[in-house]
Amino acid sequence: MTESELPVIVVGGGPVGLLTALGLHHYGVPVRVFEAGAGPSTMTKAGTILPRTLEIMRRYGAVNNIVGAAIRVEEIGELKRSTGELTLSLRTGLVDAETRFPFFANLPQHQLEPLLTKTLTERASPQVISYDHK
């Protein structure tokens, strides 16, 4: 095995690691993902996917299942808890002409990871990701 045939090792099978692995595979780079957990996350640490990230997921063949499972949100914001006053508002309608995905995709991490894993294993191989089975 030559040095150029050795896989890039991605440590962590969360959304960032899985999307990185999809990107590497897309460009023909051998990749292996190692995750310390026994499988995809069962907890949500993140839940909103921005339009640009959806564009990247589209490039790597992962967006259709994700958009199909997500709730489309066209505005997100923050409320001041003590008064109920809106302190921040982001509306995606302002970027309609700049993206195929003029919305935020709300999809909990515990639902996103299996979709990314499915895309990665279908495109690369089932052995591309290894979980710690303690």
N, C-alpha and C. Protein backbone atom coordinates (compact mmCIF):
# COMPACT_ATOMS: atom_id res chain seq x y z
N MET A 1 0.85 -1.17 0.00
CA MET A 1 0.00 0.00 0.00
C MET A 1 0.89 1.24 0.00
N THR A 2 0.64 2.14 -0.94
CA THR A 2 1.44 3.35 -1.00
C THR A 2 0.84 4.42 -0.09
N GLU A 3 1.63 5.44 0.15
CA GLU A 3 1.19 6.52 1.02
C GLU A 3 -0.08 7.19 0.49
N SER A 4 -0.22 7.31 -0.83
CA SER A 4 -1.41 7.95 -1.40
C SER A 4 -2.66 7.08 -1.28
N GLU A 5 -2.50 5.79 -0.98
CA GLU A 5 -3.64 4.90 -0.81
C GLU A 5 -4.11 4.83 0.64
N LEU A 6 -3.32 5.35 1.57
CA LEU A 6 -3.70 5.32 2.98
C LEU A 6 -4.88 6.26 3.20
N PRO A 7 -5.85 5.83 4.02
CA PRO A 7 -7.01 6.69 4.23
C PRO A 7 -6.71 7.85 5.17
N VAL A 8 -7.44 8.92 4.99
CA VAL A 8 -7.45 10.01 5.95
C VAL A 8 -8.32 9.52 7.10
N ILE A 9 -7.86 9.69 8.31
CA ILE A 9 -8.61 9.28 9.49
C ILE A 9 -9.38 10.48 10.02
N VAL A 10 -10.69 10.33 10.14
CA VAL A 10 -11.53 11.35 10.74
C VAL A 10 -11.93 10.83 12.11
N VAL A 11 -11.59 11.59 13.14
CA VAL A 11 -11.90 11.20 14.51
C VAL A 11 -13.16 11.94 14.93
N GLY A 12 -14.23 11.19 15.09
CA GLY A 12 -15.50 11.76 15.49
C GLY A 12 -16.55 11.57 14.42
N GLY A 13 -17.62 10.86 14.77
CA GLY A 13 -18.69 10.58 13.83
C GLY A 13 -19.91 11.45 14.02
N GLY A 14 -19.68 12.69 14.45
CA GLY A 14 -20.77 13.66 14.54
C GLY A 14 -21.00 14.30 13.18
N PRO A 15 -21.87 15.30 13.11
CA PRO A 15 -22.16 15.93 11.83
C PRO A 15 -20.93 16.47 11.10
N VAL A 16 -20.02 17.10 11.82
CA VAL A 16 -18.84 17.66 11.17
C VAL A 16 -17.93 16.56 10.64
N GLY A 17 -17.69 15.52 11.43
CA GLY A 17 -16.84 14.42 10.99
C GLY A 17 -17.45 13.68 9.81
N LEU A 18 -18.76 13.44 9.86
CA LEU A 18 -19.42 12.71 8.78
C LEU A 18 -19.44 13.53 7.49
N LEU A 19 -19.68 14.83 7.60
CA LEU A 19 -19.68 15.67 6.41
C LEU A 19 -18.27 15.81 5.84
N THR A 20 -17.28 15.86 6.70
CA THR A 20 -15.89 15.87 6.25
C THR A 20 -15.56 14.60 5.49
N ALA A 21 -15.99 13.46 6.03
CA ALA A 21 -15.75 12.18 5.37
C ALA A 21 -16.46 12.12 4.01
N LEU A 22 -17.68 12.63 3.94
CA LEU A 22 -18.40 12.67 2.66
C LEU A 22 -17.65 13.53 1.65
N GLY A 23 -17.12 14.65 2.11
CA GLY A 23 -16.36 15.53 1.23
C GLY A 23 -15.09 14.87 0.72
N LEU A 24 -14.36 14.23 1.61
CA LEU A 24 -13.14 13.53 1.20
C LEU A 24 -13.46 12.44 0.19
N HIS A 25 -14.49 11.65 0.48
CA HIS A 25 -14.89 10.59 -0.44
C HIS A 25 -15.31 11.18 -1.80
N HIS A 26 -16.04 12.27 -1.77
CA HIS A 26 -16.49 12.93 -3.00
C HIS A 26 -15.31 13.28 -3.90
N TYR A 27 -14.21 13.69 -3.31
CA TYR A 27 -13.02 14.07 -4.08
C TYR A 27 -12.04 12.93 -4.26
N GLY A 28 -12.48 11.70 -3.97
CA GLY A 28 -11.66 10.53 -4.25
C GLY A 28 -10.59 10.22 -3.22
N VAL A 29 -10.69 10.82 -2.05
CA VAL A 29 -9.70 10.58 -1.00
C VAL A 29 -10.20 9.44 -0.11
N PRO A 30 -9.42 8.37 0.06
CA PRO A 30 -9.84 7.29 0.96
C PRO A 30 -10.00 7.83 2.38
N VAL A 31 -11.03 7.39 3.07
CA VAL A 31 -11.32 7.93 4.39
C VAL A 31 -11.85 6.84 5.30
N ARG A 32 -11.57 6.96 6.60
CA ARG A 32 -12.14 6.12 7.65
C ARG A 32 -12.56 7.03 8.78
N VAL A 33 -13.72 6.76 9.35
CA VAL A 33 -14.25 7.54 10.47
C VAL A 33 -14.22 6.66 11.71
N PHE A 34 -13.69 7.19 12.79
CA PHE A 34 -13.68 6.49 14.08
C PHE A 34 -14.46 7.32 15.09
N GLU A 35 -15.46 6.68 15.69
CA GLU A 35 -16.32 7.33 16.66
C GLU A 35 -16.21 6.58 17.99
N ALA A 36 -15.99 7.34 19.08
CA ALA A 36 -15.83 6.73 20.40
C ALA A 36 -17.14 6.17 20.95
N GLY A 37 -18.27 6.66 20.47
CA GLY A 37 -19.56 6.16 20.93
C GLY A 37 -19.90 4.83 20.28
N ALA A 38 -20.94 4.20 20.80
CA ALA A 38 -21.36 2.89 20.29
C ALA A 38 -22.18 2.99 19.01
N GLY A 39 -22.53 4.21 18.61
CA GLY A 39 -23.32 4.43 17.39
C GLY A 39 -23.59 5.92 17.27
N PRO A 40 -24.47 6.28 16.34
CA PRO A 40 -24.82 7.70 16.21
C PRO A 40 -25.35 8.25 17.53
N SER A 41 -25.21 9.55 17.70
CA SER A 41 -25.65 10.22 18.92
C SER A 41 -27.13 10.00 19.16
N THR A 42 -27.51 9.88 20.42
CA THR A 42 -28.91 9.79 20.79
C THR A 42 -29.38 11.10 21.43
N MET A 43 -28.48 12.08 21.49
CA MET A 43 -28.80 13.37 22.09
C MET A 43 -28.62 14.46 21.03
N THR A 44 -29.33 15.55 21.23
CA THR A 44 -29.21 16.66 20.31
C THR A 44 -28.33 17.74 20.91
N LYS A 45 -27.24 18.01 20.21
CA LYS A 45 -26.36 19.10 20.62
C LYS A 45 -26.53 20.28 19.67
N ALA A 46 -27.11 20.03 18.52
CA ALA A 46 -27.36 21.06 17.52
C ALA A 46 -28.61 20.67 16.76
N GLY A 47 -29.31 21.65 16.22
CA GLY A 47 -30.54 21.31 15.54
C GLY A 47 -30.85 22.14 14.32
N THR A 48 -30.05 23.15 14.02
CA THR A 48 -30.34 24.02 12.89
C THR A 48 -29.22 23.93 11.87
N ILE A 49 -29.61 23.72 10.62
CA ILE A 49 -28.65 23.64 9.52
C ILE A 49 -28.87 24.87 8.64
N LEU A 50 -27.81 25.62 8.40
CA LEU A 50 -27.89 26.85 7.63
C LEU A 50 -27.88 26.58 6.12
N PRO A 51 -28.38 27.53 5.33
CA PRO A 51 -28.44 27.33 3.88
C PRO A 51 -27.12 26.94 3.24
N ARG A 52 -26.03 27.56 3.62
CA ARG A 52 -24.73 27.23 3.01
C ARG A 52 -24.33 25.79 3.32
N THR A 53 -24.61 25.33 4.51
CA THR A 53 -24.31 23.94 4.85
C THR A 53 -25.16 22.98 4.02
N LEU A 54 -26.40 23.35 3.77
CA LEU A 54 -27.26 22.54 2.90
C LEU A 54 -26.68 22.48 1.48
N GLU A 55 -26.10 23.58 1.01
CA GLU A 55 -25.45 23.59 -0.32
C GLU A 55 -24.29 22.59 -0.34
N ILE A 56 -23.51 22.57 0.72
CA ILE A 56 -22.39 21.63 0.80
C ILE A 56 -22.90 20.19 0.84
N MET A 57 -23.95 19.96 1.62
CA MET A 57 -24.53 18.62 1.69
C MET A 57 -25.06 18.19 0.32
N ARG A 58 -25.59 19.12 -0.43
CA ARG A 58 -26.07 18.82 -1.79
C ARG A 58 -24.90 18.36 -2.66
N ARG A 59 -23.80 19.08 -2.59
CA ARG A 59 -22.62 18.72 -3.38
C ARG A 59 -22.17 17.29 -3.10
N TYR A 60 -22.30 16.86 -1.86
CA TYR A 60 -21.83 15.53 -1.46
C TYR A 60 -22.92 14.47 -1.49
N GLY A 61 -24.10 14.82 -2.00
CA GLY A 61 -25.17 13.85 -2.19
C GLY A 61 -25.98 13.52 -0.96
N ALA A 62 -25.96 14.38 0.05
CA ALA A 62 -26.63 14.06 1.31
C ALA A 62 -27.86 14.90 1.59
N VAL A 63 -28.19 15.85 0.73
CA VAL A 63 -29.20 16.84 1.11
C VAL A 63 -30.64 16.36 0.99
N ASN A 64 -30.97 15.51 0.04
CA ASN A 64 -32.37 15.15 -0.18
C ASN A 64 -33.02 14.52 1.04
N ASN A 65 -32.38 13.54 1.64
CA ASN A 65 -32.94 12.90 2.83
C ASN A 65 -33.02 13.87 4.00
N ILE A 66 -32.05 14.75 4.09
CA ILE A 66 -32.01 15.69 5.21
C ILE A 66 -33.12 16.72 5.09
N VAL A 67 -33.26 17.32 3.92
CA VAL A 67 -34.33 18.31 3.72
C VAL A 67 -35.69 17.64 3.85
N GLY A 68 -35.80 16.41 3.39
CA GLY A 68 -37.06 15.69 3.52
C GLY A 68 -37.46 15.41 4.95
N ALA A 69 -36.48 15.26 5.83
CA ALA A 69 -36.77 14.95 7.23
C ALA A 69 -36.85 16.20 8.12
N ALA A 70 -36.34 17.32 7.62
CA ALA A 70 -36.24 18.53 8.43
C ALA A 70 -37.52 19.36 8.38
N ILE A 71 -37.64 20.23 9.36
CA ILE A 71 -38.68 21.25 9.35
C ILE A 71 -38.03 22.51 8.76
N ARG A 72 -38.66 23.07 7.74
CA ARG A 72 -38.15 24.30 7.12
C ARG A 72 -38.55 25.50 7.97
N VAL A 73 -37.56 26.31 8.31
CA VAL A 73 -37.79 27.49 9.13
C VAL A 73 -37.28 28.69 8.34
N GLU A 74 -38.11 29.69 8.17
CA GLU A 74 -37.72 30.84 7.37
C GLU A 74 -37.27 32.02 8.22
N GLU A 75 -37.46 31.93 9.52
CA GLU A 75 -37.00 32.99 10.41
C GLU A 75 -36.64 32.39 11.75
N ILE A 76 -35.49 32.78 12.26
CA ILE A 76 -35.12 32.40 13.62
C ILE A 76 -34.76 33.68 14.37
N GLY A 77 -34.86 33.64 15.65
CA GLY A 77 -34.55 34.83 16.43
C GLY A 77 -34.34 34.49 17.89
N GLU A 78 -34.15 35.54 18.65
CA GLU A 78 -33.97 35.41 20.09
C GLU A 78 -34.97 36.30 20.79
N LEU A 79 -35.46 35.83 21.90
CA LEU A 79 -36.36 36.61 22.73
C LEU A 79 -35.69 36.89 24.07
N LYS A 80 -35.86 38.08 24.55
CA LYS A 80 -35.42 38.41 25.91
C LYS A 80 -36.45 37.80 26.85
N ARG A 81 -36.03 36.81 27.63
CA ARG A 81 -36.97 36.04 28.45
C ARG A 81 -37.77 36.90 29.43
N SER A 82 -37.13 37.90 29.98
CA SER A 82 -37.82 38.70 31.01
C SER A 82 -38.94 39.55 30.44
N THR A 83 -38.82 39.96 29.16
CA THR A 83 -39.83 40.86 28.59
C THR A 83 -40.56 40.28 27.37
N GLY A 84 -40.04 39.21 26.81
CA GLY A 84 -40.63 38.66 25.59
C GLY A 84 -40.27 39.47 24.35
N GLU A 85 -39.38 40.44 24.51
CA GLU A 85 -38.97 41.32 23.41
C GLU A 85 -38.05 40.57 22.44
N LEU A 86 -38.32 40.73 21.14
CA LEU A 86 -37.48 40.14 20.10
C LEU A 86 -36.17 40.92 20.03
N THR A 87 -35.04 40.22 20.24
CA THR A 87 -33.75 40.91 20.24
C THR A 87 -32.92 40.62 19.00
N LEU A 88 -33.27 39.57 18.26
CA LEU A 88 -32.53 39.22 17.06
C LEU A 88 -33.47 38.47 16.14
N SER A 89 -33.43 38.80 14.86
CA SER A 89 -34.25 38.09 13.90
C SER A 89 -33.45 37.89 12.61
N LEU A 90 -33.40 36.65 12.15
CA LEU A 90 -32.74 36.33 10.89
C LEU A 90 -33.78 35.73 9.97
N ARG A 91 -33.95 36.35 8.80
CA ARG A 91 -34.92 35.86 7.82
C ARG A 91 -34.18 35.41 6.58
N THR A 92 -34.49 34.22 6.15
CA THR A 92 -33.79 33.66 4.98
C THR A 92 -34.33 34.17 3.66
N GLY A 93 -35.51 34.76 3.64
CA GLY A 93 -36.08 35.27 2.40
C GLY A 93 -35.18 36.28 1.71
N LEU A 94 -34.27 36.88 2.45
CA LEU A 94 -33.36 37.87 1.88
C LEU A 94 -32.31 37.24 0.97
N VAL A 95 -32.13 35.92 1.04
CA VAL A 95 -31.11 35.25 0.23
C VAL A 95 -31.72 34.33 -0.83
N ASP A 96 -32.99 34.52 -1.15
CA ASP A 96 -33.67 33.68 -2.14
C ASP A 96 -32.88 33.50 -3.43
N ALA A 97 -32.32 34.58 -3.94
CA ALA A 97 -31.62 34.54 -5.23
C ALA A 97 -30.22 33.94 -5.12
N GLU A 98 -29.73 33.73 -3.92
CA GLU A 98 -28.36 33.29 -3.73
C GLU A 98 -28.20 31.82 -3.36
N THR A 99 -29.29 31.11 -3.15
CA THR A 99 -29.19 29.72 -2.71
C THR A 99 -30.39 28.91 -3.18
N ARG A 100 -30.17 27.63 -3.33
CA ARG A 100 -31.27 26.71 -3.62
C ARG A 100 -32.09 26.43 -2.36
N PHE A 101 -31.55 26.80 -1.22
CA PHE A 101 -32.15 26.48 0.08
C PHE A 101 -32.36 27.76 0.90
N PRO A 102 -33.36 28.57 0.54
CA PRO A 102 -33.59 29.82 1.27
C PRO A 102 -34.37 29.60 2.57
N PHE A 103 -33.84 28.71 3.41
CA PHE A 103 -34.48 28.41 4.69
C PHE A 103 -33.44 27.77 5.61
N PHE A 104 -33.75 27.74 6.88
CA PHE A 104 -32.97 26.98 7.85
C PHE A 104 -33.63 25.62 7.94
N ALA A 105 -32.86 24.59 8.04
CA ALA A 105 -33.41 23.23 8.21
C ALA A 105 -33.28 22.87 9.68
N ASN A 106 -34.41 22.63 10.32
CA ASN A 106 -34.39 22.24 11.72
C ASN A 106 -34.48 20.73 11.78
N LEU A 107 -33.39 20.11 12.20
CA LEU A 107 -33.31 18.66 12.30
C LEU A 107 -32.39 18.31 13.46
N PRO A 108 -32.91 17.70 14.51
CA PRO A 108 -32.07 17.37 15.66
C PRO A 108 -30.91 16.46 15.26
N GLN A 109 -29.81 16.65 15.95
CA GLN A 109 -28.59 15.89 15.65
C GLN A 109 -28.81 14.39 15.68
N HIS A 110 -29.62 13.90 16.60
CA HIS A 110 -29.83 12.46 16.68
C HIS A 110 -30.61 11.92 15.48
N GLN A 111 -31.23 12.81 14.70
CA GLN A 111 -31.86 12.41 13.44
C GLN A 111 -30.95 12.66 12.25
N LEU A 112 -30.12 13.69 12.35
CA LEU A 112 -29.20 14.05 11.27
C LEU A 112 -28.08 13.02 11.09
N GLU A 113 -27.46 12.60 12.19
CA GLU A 113 -26.32 11.68 12.10
C GLU A 113 -26.65 10.38 11.36
N PRO A 114 -27.77 9.72 11.65
CA PRO A 114 -28.06 8.49 10.90
C PRO A 114 -28.24 8.75 9.39
N LEU A 115 -28.79 9.90 9.02
CA LEU A 115 -28.94 10.22 7.60
C LEU A 115 -27.59 10.43 6.93
N LEU A 116 -26.69 11.15 7.60
CA LEU A 116 -25.34 11.34 7.05
C LEU A 116 -24.59 10.01 6.99
N THR A 117 -24.73 9.19 8.03
CA THR A 117 -24.08 7.89 8.06
C THR A 117 -24.58 7.01 6.91
N LYS A 118 -25.89 7.02 6.69
CA LYS A 118 -26.48 6.22 5.60
C LYS A 118 -25.90 6.66 4.24
N THR A 119 -25.83 7.95 4.01
CA THR A 119 -25.27 8.46 2.75
C THR A 119 -23.82 8.06 2.61
N LEU A 120 -23.04 8.20 3.69
CA LEU A 120 -21.62 7.86 3.63
C LEU A 120 -21.41 6.38 3.37
N THR A 121 -22.12 5.53 4.07
CA THR A 121 -21.92 4.09 3.88
C THR A 121 -22.42 3.62 2.52
N GLU A 122 -23.47 4.25 2.00
CA GLU A 122 -23.94 3.90 0.65
C GLU A 122 -22.94 4.32 -0.42
N ARG A 123 -22.31 5.46 -0.22
CA ARG A 123 -21.39 5.98 -1.23
C ARG A 123 -20.00 5.37 -1.11
N ALA A 124 -19.54 5.16 0.08
CA ALA A 124 -18.18 4.63 0.29
C ALA A 124 -18.26 3.12 0.52
N SER A 125 -18.57 2.72 1.73
CA SER A 125 -18.77 1.31 2.09
C SER A 125 -19.25 1.26 3.53
N PRO A 126 -19.88 0.17 3.91
CA PRO A 126 -20.33 0.05 5.31
C PRO A 126 -19.16 0.07 6.30
N GLN A 127 -17.98 -0.28 5.85
CA GLN A 127 -16.82 -0.34 6.74
C GLN A 127 -16.12 1.02 6.92
N VAL A 128 -16.64 2.07 6.29
CA VAL A 128 -15.98 3.37 6.36
C VAL A 128 -16.04 3.97 7.76
N ILE A 129 -17.02 3.56 8.56
CA ILE A 129 -17.15 4.10 9.92
C ILE A 129 -17.06 3.00 10.94
N SER A 130 -16.29 3.26 12.00
CA SER A 130 -16.11 2.29 13.08
C SER A 130 -16.54 2.93 14.39
N TYR A 131 -17.41 2.23 15.12
CA TYR A 131 -17.85 2.69 16.43
C TYR A 131 -17.16 1.85 17.50
N ASP A 132 -16.97 2.46 18.66
CA ASP A 132 -16.40 1.76 19.81
C ASP A 132 -17.54 0.96 20.45
N HIS A 133 -17.40 -0.33 20.51
CA HIS A 133 -18.47 -1.19 21.04
C HIS A 133 -18.10 -1.72 22.43
N LYS A 134 -17.73 -0.84 23.34
CA LYS A 134 -17.33 -1.26 24.69
C LYS A 134 -18.42 -2.02 25.38
